[in-house]
Amino acid sequence: MLMAVLMAAGLGGCVRRVIDITSEPPGARVWLNDHEAGRTPCSVEFTHYGRYDVRLRREGYEPVAGWGDADEPVWDFVGCDLVSEVIPGRFTSRVQWHFTLIPTDRDEAALVQRARAMRTGLDERAAEFAAERGDEEAKAVEREDPAAVPVPGSVIQRSMPGSDG
């Protein structure tokens, strides 16, 4: 009887743990915990459940950096896993992660427009903050031409020919 139990344990199954990683569009390079895992779609076998650092990169798209959680199924919890390891057969625990990549904006005119809008928004916030504080000097940040680029105070102005300086 004891021999039959030991043989059954020896012939028992095992659990295969796999993370399936996909992206839209496919073909992104994937790194898990700083080890290259391949290109999407790809499957990576793992040993331990938990949180994994994930990075994806594809030419023409913004890089993705974050993490993914590999949570264990109920049948692979401590205690239950002893039964699943002894039962003949092969179990697979599959974790699926999907990432949607955002195209890189290479339009220079749009970039300049977004920068100007951001600068205008920051100027407005600074003026609002100054008004709340009652700071008169900070309120005078208005410019005549919003497209003009201000000269930093650390830049030494050249004097005009014929002027003192």
N, C-alpha and C. Protein backbone atom coordinates (compact mmCIF):
# COMPACT_ATOMS: atom_id res chain seq x y z
N MET A 1 0.82 -1.19 0.00
CA MET A 1 0.00 0.00 0.00
C MET A 1 0.87 1.26 0.00
N LEU A 2 1.85 1.30 0.90
CA LEU A 2 2.74 2.45 0.97
C LEU A 2 3.50 2.61 -0.34
N MET A 3 3.88 1.51 -0.93
CA MET A 3 4.60 1.55 -2.21
C MET A 3 3.72 2.15 -3.30
N ALA A 4 2.43 1.84 -3.31
CA ALA A 4 1.51 2.37 -4.32
C ALA A 4 1.36 3.88 -4.18
N VAL A 5 1.31 4.36 -2.94
CA VAL A 5 1.19 5.81 -2.71
C VAL A 5 2.45 6.52 -3.18
N LEU A 6 3.62 5.95 -2.88
CA LEU A 6 4.88 6.56 -3.32
C LEU A 6 5.00 6.57 -4.84
N MET A 7 4.55 5.49 -5.49
CA MET A 7 4.60 5.45 -6.95
C MET A 7 3.62 6.46 -7.55
N ALA A 8 2.46 6.63 -6.95
CA ALA A 8 1.49 7.60 -7.44
C ALA A 8 2.05 9.01 -7.29
N ALA A 9 2.75 9.25 -6.18
CA ALA A 9 3.36 10.56 -5.98
C ALA A 9 4.47 10.79 -7.00
N GLY A 10 5.22 9.73 -7.31
CA GLY A 10 6.29 9.84 -8.29
C GLY A 10 5.76 10.05 -9.70
N LEU A 11 4.62 9.51 -10.01
CA LEU A 11 4.02 9.66 -11.33
C LEU A 11 3.09 10.87 -11.41
N GLY A 12 3.02 11.63 -10.31
CA GLY A 12 2.10 12.76 -10.23
C GLY A 12 2.37 13.80 -11.29
N GLY A 13 1.42 14.67 -11.40
CA GLY A 13 1.52 15.74 -12.39
C GLY A 13 2.37 16.88 -11.89
N CYS A 14 2.40 17.88 -12.69
CA CYS A 14 3.11 19.07 -12.29
C CYS A 14 2.33 20.29 -12.80
N VAL A 15 2.68 21.42 -12.26
CA VAL A 15 2.00 22.65 -12.64
C VAL A 15 2.96 23.49 -13.48
N ARG A 16 2.49 23.88 -14.62
CA ARG A 16 3.24 24.77 -15.52
C ARG A 16 2.64 26.15 -15.37
N ARG A 17 3.47 27.14 -15.09
CA ARG A 17 3.01 28.52 -14.90
C ARG A 17 3.51 29.36 -16.08
N VAL A 18 2.56 30.04 -16.74
CA VAL A 18 2.89 30.78 -17.97
C VAL A 18 2.25 32.16 -17.94
N ILE A 19 3.01 33.16 -18.37
CA ILE A 19 2.48 34.51 -18.58
C ILE A 19 2.41 34.72 -20.09
N ASP A 20 1.21 35.00 -20.60
CA ASP A 20 1.02 35.33 -22.02
C ASP A 20 0.96 36.84 -22.14
N ILE A 21 1.84 37.41 -22.95
CA ILE A 21 1.91 38.86 -23.11
C ILE A 21 1.59 39.21 -24.56
N THR A 22 0.59 40.07 -24.75
CA THR A 22 0.21 40.53 -26.08
C THR A 22 0.21 42.05 -26.10
N SER A 23 0.26 42.60 -27.30
CA SER A 23 0.19 44.06 -27.43
C SER A 23 -0.52 44.41 -28.72
N GLU A 24 -1.03 45.62 -28.75
CA GLU A 24 -1.66 46.15 -29.96
C GLU A 24 -0.88 47.40 -30.32
N PRO A 25 -0.13 47.45 -31.37
CA PRO A 25 0.10 46.39 -32.34
C PRO A 25 1.11 45.36 -31.82
N PRO A 26 1.11 44.17 -32.41
CA PRO A 26 2.07 43.14 -31.99
C PRO A 26 3.48 43.49 -32.45
N GLY A 27 4.45 42.75 -31.94
CA GLY A 27 5.84 42.93 -32.36
C GLY A 27 6.68 43.78 -31.42
N ALA A 28 6.15 44.14 -30.26
CA ALA A 28 6.91 44.94 -29.30
C ALA A 28 7.89 44.05 -28.54
N ARG A 29 9.09 44.56 -28.27
CA ARG A 29 10.05 43.82 -27.45
C ARG A 29 9.61 43.90 -26.00
N VAL A 30 9.74 42.78 -25.29
CA VAL A 30 9.26 42.68 -23.90
C VAL A 30 10.42 42.33 -22.99
N TRP A 31 10.46 43.02 -21.83
CA TRP A 31 11.39 42.69 -20.76
C TRP A 31 10.60 42.43 -19.50
N LEU A 32 10.90 41.32 -18.82
CA LEU A 32 10.32 41.00 -17.52
C LEU A 32 11.45 41.01 -16.51
N ASN A 33 11.31 41.84 -15.49
CA ASN A 33 12.36 41.97 -14.47
C ASN A 33 13.74 42.14 -15.10
N ASP A 34 13.83 43.01 -16.09
CA ASP A 34 15.07 43.36 -16.79
C ASP A 34 15.70 42.22 -17.58
N HIS A 35 14.92 41.19 -17.91
CA HIS A 35 15.40 40.12 -18.78
C HIS A 35 14.53 40.11 -20.03
N GLU A 36 15.16 40.16 -21.20
CA GLU A 36 14.37 40.17 -22.43
C GLU A 36 13.61 38.87 -22.58
N ALA A 37 12.30 38.99 -22.84
CA ALA A 37 11.43 37.82 -22.91
C ALA A 37 11.01 37.50 -24.34
N GLY A 38 11.26 38.40 -25.28
CA GLY A 38 10.88 38.16 -26.67
C GLY A 38 10.05 39.30 -27.22
N ARG A 39 9.31 39.00 -28.27
CA ARG A 39 8.42 39.98 -28.91
C ARG A 39 6.98 39.51 -28.78
N THR A 40 6.08 40.48 -28.66
CA THR A 40 4.66 40.13 -28.52
C THR A 40 4.12 39.61 -29.83
N PRO A 41 3.24 38.63 -29.79
CA PRO A 41 2.79 37.90 -28.61
C PRO A 41 3.84 36.89 -28.16
N CYS A 42 4.02 36.76 -26.85
CA CYS A 42 4.99 35.79 -26.34
C CYS A 42 4.46 35.16 -25.05
N SER A 43 5.00 34.02 -24.74
CA SER A 43 4.66 33.30 -23.52
C SER A 43 5.94 33.07 -22.74
N VAL A 44 5.88 33.34 -21.44
CA VAL A 44 7.06 33.21 -20.58
C VAL A 44 6.68 32.31 -19.41
N GLU A 45 7.47 31.27 -19.19
CA GLU A 45 7.23 30.40 -18.03
C GLU A 45 7.85 31.07 -16.81
N PHE A 46 7.17 30.92 -15.66
CA PHE A 46 7.68 31.50 -14.41
C PHE A 46 7.49 30.49 -13.29
N THR A 47 8.19 30.73 -12.19
CA THR A 47 8.17 29.81 -11.06
C THR A 47 7.31 30.33 -9.92
N HIS A 48 7.42 31.64 -9.63
CA HIS A 48 6.76 32.20 -8.46
C HIS A 48 5.70 33.22 -8.87
N TYR A 49 4.58 33.18 -8.17
CA TYR A 49 3.54 34.19 -8.37
C TYR A 49 3.99 35.49 -7.72
N GLY A 50 3.43 36.59 -8.19
CA GLY A 50 3.77 37.89 -7.59
C GLY A 50 3.74 38.98 -8.64
N ARG A 51 4.41 40.07 -8.34
CA ARG A 51 4.45 41.24 -9.22
C ARG A 51 5.75 41.22 -10.03
N TYR A 52 5.62 41.48 -11.32
CA TYR A 52 6.76 41.50 -12.23
C TYR A 52 6.87 42.87 -12.88
N ASP A 53 8.09 43.38 -12.99
CA ASP A 53 8.33 44.61 -13.74
C ASP A 53 8.24 44.27 -15.22
N VAL A 54 7.52 45.10 -15.97
CA VAL A 54 7.30 44.85 -17.39
C VAL A 54 7.66 46.10 -18.17
N ARG A 55 8.40 45.93 -19.25
CA ARG A 55 8.69 47.02 -20.18
C ARG A 55 8.46 46.54 -21.59
N LEU A 56 7.84 47.38 -22.41
CA LEU A 56 7.64 47.08 -23.82
C LEU A 56 8.16 48.25 -24.64
N ARG A 57 8.73 47.95 -25.78
CA ARG A 57 9.23 48.99 -26.67
C ARG A 57 9.07 48.53 -28.11
N ARG A 58 8.58 49.46 -28.92
CA ARG A 58 8.45 49.21 -30.35
C ARG A 58 8.71 50.52 -31.09
N GLU A 59 9.43 50.45 -32.17
CA GLU A 59 9.76 51.62 -32.98
C GLU A 59 8.48 52.31 -33.43
N GLY A 60 8.42 53.64 -33.25
CA GLY A 60 7.26 54.41 -33.66
C GLY A 60 6.17 54.50 -32.60
N TYR A 61 6.41 53.92 -31.41
CA TYR A 61 5.43 53.93 -30.33
C TYR A 61 6.10 54.33 -29.03
N GLU A 62 5.32 54.91 -28.14
CA GLU A 62 5.82 55.30 -26.83
C GLU A 62 6.18 54.04 -26.04
N PRO A 63 7.31 54.06 -25.32
CA PRO A 63 7.65 52.89 -24.50
C PRO A 63 6.67 52.75 -23.33
N VAL A 64 6.48 51.51 -22.90
CA VAL A 64 5.60 51.21 -21.77
C VAL A 64 6.46 50.65 -20.65
N ALA A 65 6.28 51.17 -19.44
CA ALA A 65 6.98 50.65 -18.27
C ALA A 65 5.99 50.58 -17.13
N GLY A 66 5.95 49.45 -16.46
CA GLY A 66 5.02 49.27 -15.36
C GLY A 66 5.22 47.92 -14.72
N TRP A 67 4.13 47.33 -14.28
CA TRP A 67 4.22 46.01 -13.68
C TRP A 67 2.97 45.22 -14.00
N GLY A 68 3.11 43.92 -13.83
CA GLY A 68 1.99 43.01 -14.01
C GLY A 68 1.95 42.06 -12.83
N ASP A 69 0.75 41.72 -12.42
CA ASP A 69 0.59 40.80 -11.30
C ASP A 69 0.27 39.40 -11.83
N ALA A 70 1.00 38.42 -11.32
CA ALA A 70 0.72 37.02 -11.63
C ALA A 70 0.11 36.42 -10.37
N ASP A 71 -1.22 36.37 -10.35
CA ASP A 71 -1.95 35.85 -9.19
C ASP A 71 -2.21 34.36 -9.37
N GLU A 72 -2.11 33.64 -8.26
CA GLU A 72 -2.29 32.19 -8.32
C GLU A 72 -3.77 31.82 -8.35
N PRO A 73 -4.10 30.78 -9.12
CA PRO A 73 -5.48 30.29 -9.10
C PRO A 73 -5.73 29.54 -7.79
N VAL A 74 -7.00 29.35 -7.46
CA VAL A 74 -7.38 28.70 -6.20
C VAL A 74 -6.75 27.32 -6.07
N TRP A 75 -6.71 26.57 -7.16
CA TRP A 75 -6.19 25.21 -7.07
C TRP A 75 -4.68 25.16 -6.87
N ASP A 76 -4.00 26.33 -6.93
CA ASP A 76 -2.55 26.35 -6.73
C ASP A 76 -2.16 27.04 -5.43
N PHE A 77 -3.14 27.32 -4.52
CA PHE A 77 -2.83 27.85 -3.20
C PHE A 77 -2.11 26.78 -2.39
N VAL A 78 -1.40 27.21 -1.35
CA VAL A 78 -0.71 26.28 -0.47
C VAL A 78 -1.74 25.33 0.14
N GLY A 79 -1.45 24.07 0.07
CA GLY A 79 -2.38 23.03 0.54
C GLY A 79 -3.05 22.39 -0.66
N CYS A 80 -3.77 23.20 -1.44
CA CYS A 80 -4.40 22.67 -2.65
C CYS A 80 -3.35 22.26 -3.66
N ASP A 81 -2.21 22.95 -3.66
CA ASP A 81 -1.18 22.63 -4.64
C ASP A 81 -0.58 21.24 -4.41
N LEU A 82 -0.61 20.75 -3.17
CA LEU A 82 -0.12 19.39 -2.92
C LEU A 82 -0.97 18.37 -3.66
N VAL A 83 -2.27 18.61 -3.68
CA VAL A 83 -3.17 17.70 -4.38
C VAL A 83 -2.93 17.80 -5.89
N SER A 84 -2.81 19.03 -6.40
CA SER A 84 -2.61 19.18 -7.85
C SER A 84 -1.27 18.64 -8.31
N GLU A 85 -0.28 18.62 -7.41
CA GLU A 85 1.03 18.07 -7.77
C GLU A 85 1.00 16.54 -7.79
N VAL A 86 0.11 15.93 -7.01
CA VAL A 86 0.05 14.47 -6.90
C VAL A 86 -0.84 13.86 -7.97
N ILE A 87 -1.89 14.57 -8.38
CA ILE A 87 -2.82 14.04 -9.37
C ILE A 87 -2.08 13.90 -10.71
N PRO A 88 -2.15 12.71 -11.32
CA PRO A 88 -1.48 12.56 -12.62
C PRO A 88 -2.07 13.51 -13.65
N GLY A 89 -1.23 14.05 -14.44
CA GLY A 89 -1.66 15.00 -15.46
C GLY A 89 -0.86 16.28 -15.35
N ARG A 90 -1.07 17.15 -16.27
CA ARG A 90 -0.32 18.40 -16.29
C ARG A 90 -1.31 19.56 -16.20
N PHE A 91 -1.13 20.42 -15.22
CA PHE A 91 -1.96 21.60 -15.06
C PHE A 91 -1.19 22.82 -15.56
N THR A 92 -1.89 23.75 -16.15
CA THR A 92 -1.25 24.99 -16.58
C THR A 92 -1.97 26.17 -15.96
N SER A 93 -1.21 26.99 -15.31
CA SER A 93 -1.72 28.24 -14.74
C SER A 93 -1.31 29.35 -15.71
N ARG A 94 -2.30 29.96 -16.35
CA ARG A 94 -2.04 30.99 -17.37
C ARG A 94 -2.45 32.36 -16.87
N VAL A 95 -1.53 33.31 -16.98
CA VAL A 95 -1.78 34.71 -16.66
C VAL A 95 -1.68 35.47 -17.97
N GLN A 96 -2.63 36.35 -18.25
CA GLN A 96 -2.62 37.07 -19.52
C GLN A 96 -2.54 38.57 -19.28
N TRP A 97 -1.58 39.19 -19.96
CA TRP A 97 -1.42 40.64 -19.91
C TRP A 97 -1.51 41.17 -21.33
N HIS A 98 -2.23 42.27 -21.50
CA HIS A 98 -2.34 42.92 -22.81
C HIS A 98 -2.02 44.40 -22.66
N PHE A 99 -1.22 44.92 -23.58
CA PHE A 99 -0.82 46.32 -23.56
C PHE A 99 -1.19 46.97 -24.89
N THR A 100 -1.72 48.19 -24.82
CA THR A 100 -2.02 48.96 -26.03
C THR A 100 -0.97 50.06 -26.14
N LEU A 101 -0.21 50.02 -27.21
CA LEU A 101 0.86 50.98 -27.42
C LEU A 101 0.32 52.25 -28.07
N ILE A 102 0.87 53.39 -27.69
CA ILE A 102 0.45 54.68 -28.22
C ILE A 102 1.48 55.16 -29.23
N PRO A 103 1.05 55.53 -30.44
CA PRO A 103 2.01 56.00 -31.45
C PRO A 103 2.74 57.26 -30.98
N THR A 104 4.02 57.34 -31.34
CA THR A 104 4.82 58.51 -31.03
C THR A 104 4.42 59.64 -31.97
N ASP A 105 4.23 60.82 -31.41
CA ASP A 105 3.87 61.99 -32.22
C ASP A 105 5.15 62.67 -32.69
N ARG A 106 5.44 62.57 -33.96
CA ARG A 106 6.65 63.16 -34.53
C ARG A 106 6.37 64.47 -35.25
N ASP A 107 5.17 65.01 -35.09
CA ASP A 107 4.78 66.26 -35.75
C ASP A 107 5.36 67.43 -34.95
N GLU A 108 6.38 68.08 -35.50
CA GLU A 108 7.08 69.16 -34.79
C GLU A 108 6.17 70.35 -34.54
N ALA A 109 5.33 70.70 -35.50
CA ALA A 109 4.42 71.84 -35.33
C ALA A 109 3.44 71.57 -34.18
N ALA A 110 2.95 70.34 -34.09
CA ALA A 110 2.04 69.99 -32.99
C ALA A 110 2.76 70.04 -31.65
N LEU A 111 4.03 69.63 -31.64
CA LEU A 111 4.82 69.68 -30.42
C LEU A 111 5.00 71.11 -29.94
N VAL A 112 5.32 72.02 -30.87
CA VAL A 112 5.49 73.43 -30.51
C VAL A 112 4.17 74.00 -30.01
N GLN A 113 3.07 73.63 -30.66
CA GLN A 113 1.75 74.12 -30.24
C GLN A 113 1.42 73.63 -28.82
N ARG A 114 1.72 72.36 -28.52
CA ARG A 114 1.46 71.84 -27.17
C ARG A 114 2.35 72.53 -26.14
N ALA A 115 3.60 72.82 -26.51
CA ALA A 115 4.51 73.51 -25.60
C ALA A 115 4.01 74.92 -25.30
N ARG A 116 3.55 75.62 -26.32
CA ARG A 116 3.02 76.97 -26.10
C ARG A 116 1.76 76.93 -25.23
N ALA A 117 0.89 75.97 -25.47
CA ALA A 117 -0.32 75.84 -24.66
C ALA A 117 0.04 75.53 -23.21
N MET A 118 1.06 74.70 -23.02
CA MET A 118 1.49 74.37 -21.67
C MET A 118 2.07 75.61 -20.99
N ARG A 119 2.88 76.38 -21.73
CA ARG A 119 3.47 77.59 -21.16
C ARG A 119 2.37 78.59 -20.78
N THR A 120 1.38 78.75 -21.65
CA THR A 120 0.27 79.66 -21.36
C THR A 120 -0.47 79.20 -20.11
N GLY A 121 -0.74 77.91 -20.01
CA GLY A 121 -1.41 77.37 -18.83
C GLY A 121 -0.61 77.58 -17.57
N LEU A 122 0.71 77.40 -17.65
CA LEU A 122 1.55 77.61 -16.48
C LEU A 122 1.59 79.08 -16.09
N ASP A 123 1.63 79.98 -17.09
CA ASP A 123 1.60 81.41 -16.81
C ASP A 123 0.30 81.80 -16.12
N GLU A 124 -0.81 81.22 -16.60
CA GLU A 124 -2.11 81.52 -15.98
C GLU A 124 -2.16 81.01 -14.55
N ARG A 125 -1.64 79.83 -14.32
CA ARG A 125 -1.63 79.29 -12.95
C ARG A 125 -0.75 80.13 -12.04
N ALA A 126 0.41 80.58 -12.57
CA ALA A 126 1.31 81.41 -11.77
C ALA A 126 0.62 82.73 -11.41
N ALA A 127 -0.11 83.31 -12.36
CA ALA A 127 -0.82 84.56 -12.09
C ALA A 127 -1.92 84.34 -11.05
N GLU A 128 -2.64 83.21 -11.15
CA GLU A 128 -3.68 82.90 -10.16
C GLU A 128 -3.07 82.72 -8.77
N PHE A 129 -1.94 82.02 -8.73
CA PHE A 129 -1.27 81.79 -7.45
C PHE A 129 -0.79 83.11 -6.86
N ALA A 130 -0.24 83.98 -7.72
CA ALA A 130 0.24 85.28 -7.26
C ALA A 130 -0.93 86.13 -6.75
N ALA A 131 -2.07 86.06 -7.44
CA ALA A 131 -3.23 86.82 -7.00
C ALA A 131 -3.72 86.33 -5.64
N GLU A 132 -3.66 85.03 -5.43
CA GLU A 132 -4.06 84.48 -4.13
C GLU A 132 -3.13 84.95 -3.02
N ARG A 133 -1.85 85.05 -3.34
CA ARG A 133 -0.86 85.47 -2.35
C ARG A 133 -0.81 86.99 -2.22
N GLY A 134 -1.32 87.70 -3.22
CA GLY A 134 -1.24 89.15 -3.20
C GLY A 134 0.12 89.65 -3.62
N ASP A 135 0.85 88.85 -4.39
CA ASP A 135 2.21 89.17 -4.83
C ASP A 135 2.12 90.02 -6.09
N GLU A 136 2.33 91.33 -5.96
CA GLU A 136 2.19 92.25 -7.09
C GLU A 136 3.27 92.03 -8.14
N GLU A 137 4.49 91.72 -7.72
CA GLU A 137 5.58 91.54 -8.68
C GLU A 137 5.32 90.34 -9.58
N ALA A 138 4.80 89.26 -9.01
CA ALA A 138 4.53 88.06 -9.79
C ALA A 138 3.34 88.24 -10.71
N LYS A 139 2.45 89.19 -10.39
CA LYS A 139 1.30 89.44 -11.26
C LYS A 139 1.71 90.06 -12.59
N ALA A 140 2.83 90.74 -12.62
CA ALA A 140 3.26 91.45 -13.82
C ALA A 140 4.04 90.55 -14.76
N VAL A 141 3.61 89.32 -14.95
CA VAL A 141 4.28 88.37 -15.81
C VAL A 141 3.69 88.40 -17.21
N GLU A 142 2.87 89.38 -17.52
CA GLU A 142 2.21 89.43 -18.81
C GLU A 142 3.21 89.79 -19.91
N ARG A 143 3.03 89.17 -21.06
CA ARG A 143 3.88 89.44 -22.22
C ARG A 143 3.03 90.05 -23.31
N GLU A 144 3.68 90.91 -24.13
CA GLU A 144 2.96 91.51 -25.24
C GLU A 144 2.73 90.48 -26.34
N ASP A 145 3.75 89.68 -26.67
CA ASP A 145 3.65 88.69 -27.74
C ASP A 145 3.79 87.30 -27.12
N PRO A 146 2.71 86.51 -27.06
CA PRO A 146 2.82 85.18 -26.43
C PRO A 146 3.72 84.22 -27.19
N ALA A 147 4.01 84.50 -28.46
CA ALA A 147 4.89 83.62 -29.23
C ALA A 147 6.35 83.95 -28.99
N ALA A 148 6.65 85.11 -28.40
CA ALA A 148 8.04 85.50 -28.16
C ALA A 148 8.64 84.64 -27.06
N VAL A 149 9.90 84.33 -27.21
CA VAL A 149 10.59 83.53 -26.21
C VAL A 149 11.32 84.48 -25.27
N PRO A 150 11.07 84.42 -23.97
CA PRO A 150 11.75 85.33 -23.05
C PRO A 150 13.22 84.97 -22.90
N VAL A 151 14.03 85.97 -22.65
CA VAL A 151 15.47 85.77 -22.44
C VAL A 151 15.69 85.52 -20.97
N PRO A 152 16.36 84.40 -20.61
CA PRO A 152 16.62 84.13 -19.20
C PRO A 152 17.44 85.24 -18.57
N GLY A 153 17.24 85.50 -17.28
CA GLY A 153 17.97 86.54 -16.57
C GLY A 153 19.45 86.27 -16.49
N SER A 154 19.86 85.00 -16.66
CA SER A 154 21.28 84.68 -16.56
C SER A 154 22.05 85.03 -17.83
N VAL A 155 21.34 85.42 -18.90
CA VAL A 155 22.00 85.76 -20.15
C VAL A 155 22.39 87.23 -20.11
N ILE A 156 23.65 87.52 -20.41
CA ILE A 156 24.12 88.91 -20.41
C ILE A 156 23.73 89.53 -21.74
N GLN A 157 23.01 90.64 -21.68
CA GLN A 157 22.57 91.34 -22.89
C GLN A 157 23.75 92.11 -23.48
N ARG A 158 23.91 92.02 -24.79
CA ARG A 158 24.95 92.79 -25.47
C ARG A 158 24.45 94.22 -25.61
N SER A 159 25.35 95.12 -25.44
CA SER A 159 24.96 96.51 -25.62
C SER A 159 25.01 96.87 -27.11
N MET A 160 24.18 97.78 -27.50
CA MET A 160 24.12 98.23 -28.89
C MET A 160 25.32 99.13 -29.17
N PRO A 161 25.85 99.09 -30.42
CA PRO A 161 26.97 99.98 -30.74
C PRO A 161 26.57 101.43 -30.51
N GLY A 162 27.46 102.15 -29.90
CA GLY A 162 27.22 103.58 -29.67
C GLY A 162 26.50 103.84 -28.35
N SER A 163 26.10 102.77 -27.62
CA SER A 163 25.44 103.01 -26.33
C SER A 163 26.43 102.77 -25.21
N ASP A 164 26.09 103.26 -24.05
CA ASP A 164 26.98 103.09 -22.89
C ASP A 164 26.92 101.64 -22.43
N GLY A 165 28.04 101.06 -22.06
CA GLY A 165 28.00 99.70 -21.54
C GLY A 165 29.15 98.99 -21.90
